[in-house]
C-alpha atoms as a PDB file:
ATOM      1  CA  MET A   1     -34.937 217.997 216.192  1.00  0.00           C
ATOM      2  CA  SER A   2     -36.775 214.962 217.528  1.00  0.00           C
ATOM      3  CA  GLU A   3     -34.995 212.390 219.673  1.00  0.00           C
ATOM      4  CA  ASP A   4     -35.215 209.775 216.894  1.00  0.00           C
ATOM      5  CA  GLU A   5     -33.554 212.133 214.409  1.00  0.00           C
ATOM      6  CA  ASN A   6     -30.850 212.880 216.969  1.00  0.00           C
ATOM      7  CA  ASP A   7     -30.079 209.156 217.521  1.00  0.00           C
ATOM      8  CA  HIS A   8     -29.531 208.233 213.850  1.00  0.00           C
ATOM      9  CA  GLU A   9     -27.698 210.355 211.326  1.00  0.00           C
ATOM     10  CA  MET A  10     -25.775 209.546 208.158  1.00  0.00           C
ATOM     11  CA  GLY A  11     -25.643 205.811 208.915  1.00  0.00           C
ATOM     12  CA  VAL A  12     -24.524 206.304 212.524  1.00  0.00           C
ATOM     13  CA  GLU A  13     -26.631 204.938 215.392  1.00  0.00           C
ATOM     14  CA  PHE A  14     -25.913 207.370 218.218  1.00  0.00           C
ATOM     15  CA  GLY A  15     -28.393 205.549 220.454  1.00  0.00           C
ATOM     16  CA  SER A  16     -25.843 202.722 220.715  1.00  0.00           C
ATOM     17  CA  ILE A  17     -23.595 204.980 222.837  1.00  0.00           C
ATOM     18  CA  GLU A  18     -26.252 206.966 224.678  1.00  0.00           C
ATOM     19  CA  SER A  19     -24.732 205.816 227.998  1.00  0.00           C
ATOM     20  CA  VAL A  20     -21.525 207.672 227.093  1.00  0.00           C
ATOM     21  CA  PHE A  21     -23.438 210.897 226.521  1.00  0.00           C
ATOM     22  CA  ASP A  22     -25.209 210.380 229.862  1.00  0.00           C
ATOM     23  CA  GLU A  23     -21.875 210.067 231.726  1.00  0.00           C
ATOM     24  CA  VAL A  24     -19.640 212.663 230.064  1.00  0.00           C
ATOM     25  CA  SER A  25     -18.771 215.826 231.990  1.00  0.00           C
ATOM     26  CA  TYR A  26     -17.903 218.820 229.834  1.00  0.00           C
ATOM     27  CA  PRO A  27     -15.546 220.126 228.724  1.00  0.00           C
ATOM     28  CA  ILE A  28     -13.760 216.908 227.735  1.00  0.00           C
ATOM     29  CA  SER A  29     -10.739 216.445 225.482  1.00  0.00           C
ATOM     30  CA  ALA A  30     -10.560 213.817 222.763  1.00  0.00           C
ATOM     31  CA  GLU A  31      -7.757 212.156 224.741  1.00  0.00           C
ATOM     32  CA  GLU A  32      -9.940 211.927 227.875  1.00  0.00           C
ATOM     33  CA  LEU A  33     -12.834 210.625 225.778  1.00  0.00           C
ATOM     34  CA  VAL A  34     -10.614 207.846 224.393  1.00  0.00           C
ATOM     35  CA  ASP A  35      -9.160 207.041 227.840  1.00  0.00           C
ATOM     36  CA  ARG A  36     -12.580 206.732 229.464  1.00  0.00           C
ATOM     37  CA  TYR A  37     -14.815 205.440 226.662  1.00  0.00           C
ATOM     38  CA  GLY A  38     -12.472 204.229 223.910  1.00  0.00           C
ATOM     39  CA  ASP A  39     -13.803 200.664 223.891  1.00  0.00           C
ATOM     40  CA  GLU A  40     -17.424 201.756 223.471  1.00  0.00           C
ATOM     41  CA  GLU A  41     -18.667 200.924 219.984  1.00  0.00           C
ATOM     42  CA  ILE A  42     -20.921 202.979 217.745  1.00  0.00           C
ATOM     43  CA  GLU A  43     -23.332 200.986 215.627  1.00  0.00           C
ATOM     44  CA  ARG A  44     -23.501 201.822 211.916  1.00  0.00           C
ATOM     45  CA  THR A  45     -26.222 200.868 209.471  1.00  0.00           C
ATOM     46  CA  SER A  46     -23.919 200.115 206.513  1.00  0.00           C
ATOM     47  CA  ALA A  47     -20.797 198.815 208.259  1.00  0.00           C
ATOM     48  CA  ASP A  48     -19.538 197.013 211.347  1.00  0.00           C
ATOM     49  CA  PRO A  49     -19.474 198.934 214.637  1.00  0.00           C
ATOM     50  CA  ILE A  50     -16.547 201.278 215.194  1.00  0.00           C
ATOM     51  CA  SER A  51     -14.996 202.192 218.541  1.00  0.00           C
ATOM     52  CA  ILE A  52     -14.667 205.668 219.966  1.00  0.00           C
ATOM     53  CA  ARG A  53     -10.924 204.972 220.102  1.00  0.00           C
ATOM     54  CA  ASP A  54     -10.810 204.358 216.339  1.00  0.00           C
ATOM     55  CA  LEU A  55     -12.485 207.705 215.711  1.00  0.00           C
ATOM     56  CA  PHE A  56     -10.783 210.011 218.219  1.00  0.00           C
ATOM     57  CA  GLU A  57      -7.354 208.536 218.950  1.00  0.00           C
ATOM     58  CA  GLY A  58      -4.676 210.961 217.871  1.00  0.00           C
ATOM     59  CA  MET A  59      -6.873 214.057 218.218  1.00  0.00           C
ATOM     60  CA  GLY A  60      -5.130 214.858 221.506  1.00  0.00           C
ATOM     61  CA  ASP A  61      -6.370 217.856 223.415  1.00  0.00           C
ATOM     62  CA  GLN A  62      -9.166 218.936 221.076  1.00  0.00           C
ATOM     63  CA  THR A  63     -11.949 219.821 223.479  1.00  0.00           C
ATOM     64  CA  PHE A  64     -15.660 219.152 223.219  1.00  0.00           C
ATOM     65  CA  GLU A  65     -18.150 221.331 225.071  1.00  0.00           C
ATOM     66  CA  SER A  66     -21.385 219.359 224.474  1.00  0.00           C
ATOM     67  CA  ASP A  67     -22.947 216.114 223.268  1.00  0.00           C
ATOM     68  CA  GLU A  68     -23.621 217.828 219.959  1.00  0.00           C
ATOM     69  CA  GLU A  69     -19.928 218.657 219.473  1.00  0.00           C
ATOM     70  CA  ILE A  70     -18.969 215.019 220.118  1.00  0.00           C
ATOM     71  CA  ARG A  71     -21.657 213.812 217.702  1.00  0.00           C
ATOM     72  CA  GLN A  72     -20.400 216.208 215.033  1.00  0.00           C
ATOM     73  CA  GLY A  73     -16.819 215.075 215.678  1.00  0.00           C
ATOM     74  CA  MET A  74     -17.904 211.469 215.222  1.00  0.00           C
ATOM     75  CA  LEU A  75     -19.616 212.283 211.937  1.00  0.00           C
ATOM     76  CA  ASN A  76     -16.564 214.205 210.735  1.00  0.00           C
ATOM     77  CA  MET A  77     -14.190 211.332 211.525  1.00  0.00           C
ATOM     78  CA  MET A  78     -16.491 208.505 210.425  1.00  0.00           C
ATOM     79  CA  PRO A  79     -15.142 206.406 207.515  1.00  0.00           C
ATOM     80  CA  ALA A  80     -17.006 206.771 204.218  1.00  0.00           C
ATOM     81  CA  GLU A  81     -18.436 203.235 204.351  1.00  0.00           C
ATOM     82  CA  SER A  82     -20.568 204.275 207.336  1.00  0.00           C
ATOM     83  CA  VAL A  83     -22.804 206.361 205.113  1.00  0.00           C
ATOM     84  CA  GLY A  84     -23.533 203.577 202.645  1.00  0.00           C
ATOM     85  CA  ARG A  85     -23.516 203.952 198.895  1.00  0.00           C
ATOM     86  CA  GLN A  86     -21.950 207.210 197.792  1.00  0.00           C
ATOM     87  CA  HIS A  87     -23.987 209.393 195.399  1.00  0.00           C
ATOM     88  CA  TYR A  88     -27.109 207.285 196.004  1.00  0.00           C
ATOM     89  CA  SER A  89     -30.531 208.853 196.025  1.00  0.00           C
ATOM     90  CA  ASP A  90     -33.873 207.134 196.391  1.00  0.00           C
ATOM     91  CA  ARG A  91     -35.627 210.208 195.047  1.00  0.00           C
ATOM     92  CA  GLY A  92     -35.688 208.947 191.456  1.00  0.00           C
ATOM     93  CA  GLY A  93     -34.480 210.643 188.317  1.00  0.00           C
ATOM     94  CA  SER A  94     -31.264 208.671 187.974  1.00  0.00           C
ATOM     95  CA  ASP A  95     -30.417 205.182 186.868  1.00  0.00           C
ATOM     96  CA  GLY A  96     -27.355 203.009 187.357  1.00  0.00           C
ATOM     97  CA  ASP A  97     -26.127 203.746 183.830  1.00  0.00           C
ATOM     98  CA  ASP A  98     -25.455 207.344 184.870  1.00  0.00           C
ATOM     99  CA  VAL A  99     -23.002 206.277 187.569  1.00  0.00           C
ATOM    100  CA  ASP A 100     -19.367 205.611 186.711  1.00  0.00           C
ATOM    101  CA  SER A 101     -18.217 203.071 189.318  1.00  0.00           C
ATOM    102  CA  GLU A 102     -14.535 203.845 188.736  1.00  0.00           C
ATOM    103  CA  GLU A 103     -15.200 207.539 189.344  1.00  0.00           C
ATOM    104  CA  MET A 104     -17.126 206.675 192.532  1.00  0.00           C
ATOM    105  CA  ALA A 105     -14.232 204.514 193.781  1.00  0.00           C
ATOM    106  CA  ASP A 106     -11.781 207.365 193.100  1.00  0.00           C
ATOM    107  CA  ASP A 107     -14.069 209.761 194.980  1.00  0.00           C
ATOM    108  CA  ASN A 108     -14.283 207.395 197.974  1.00  0.00           C
ATOM    109  CA  GLU A 109     -10.490 206.980 198.044  1.00  0.00           C
ATOM    110  CA  GLN A 110     -10.052 210.769 197.949  1.00  0.00           C
ATOM    111  CA  GLN A 111     -12.433 211.173 200.905  1.00  0.00           C
ATOM    112  CA  ILE A 112     -10.416 208.652 202.919  1.00  0.00           C
ATOM    113  CA  GLU A 113      -7.148 210.416 202.044  1.00  0.00           C
ATOM    114  CA  ASP A 114      -8.641 213.787 202.987  1.00  0.00           C
ATOM    115  CA  ARG A 115      -9.675 212.457 206.387  1.00  0.00           C
ATOM    116  CA  GLY A 116      -6.190 211.066 206.986  1.00  0.00           C
ATOM    117  CA  SER A 117      -4.600 214.478 206.442  1.00  0.00           C
ATOM    118  CA  GLU A 118      -6.826 216.313 208.940  1.00  0.00           C
END
């Protein structure tokens, strides 16, 4: 994976917190990550920045062994609005008439509820 691909994924700009990845000593728990870097903000392409605290607070002693594990944890905990429009594809073959906005809103709400129960 190239460095550019590694810095931007699913609407998340990991380059905005590269200094955190440079400083972290592994293993590190979610609680330690929040204590040390909780105020650091992660830029998102489709939403306002979000802090490390907002993502990892309450995860307690879950331990991360690498930058990649933290990145994956961030993606897993990231709110749905970070990704942008749900069910959107720029590959063609679909028009707006095929999309039921009420169904999309229900799907987004379900994703948020699912994340809250993890």
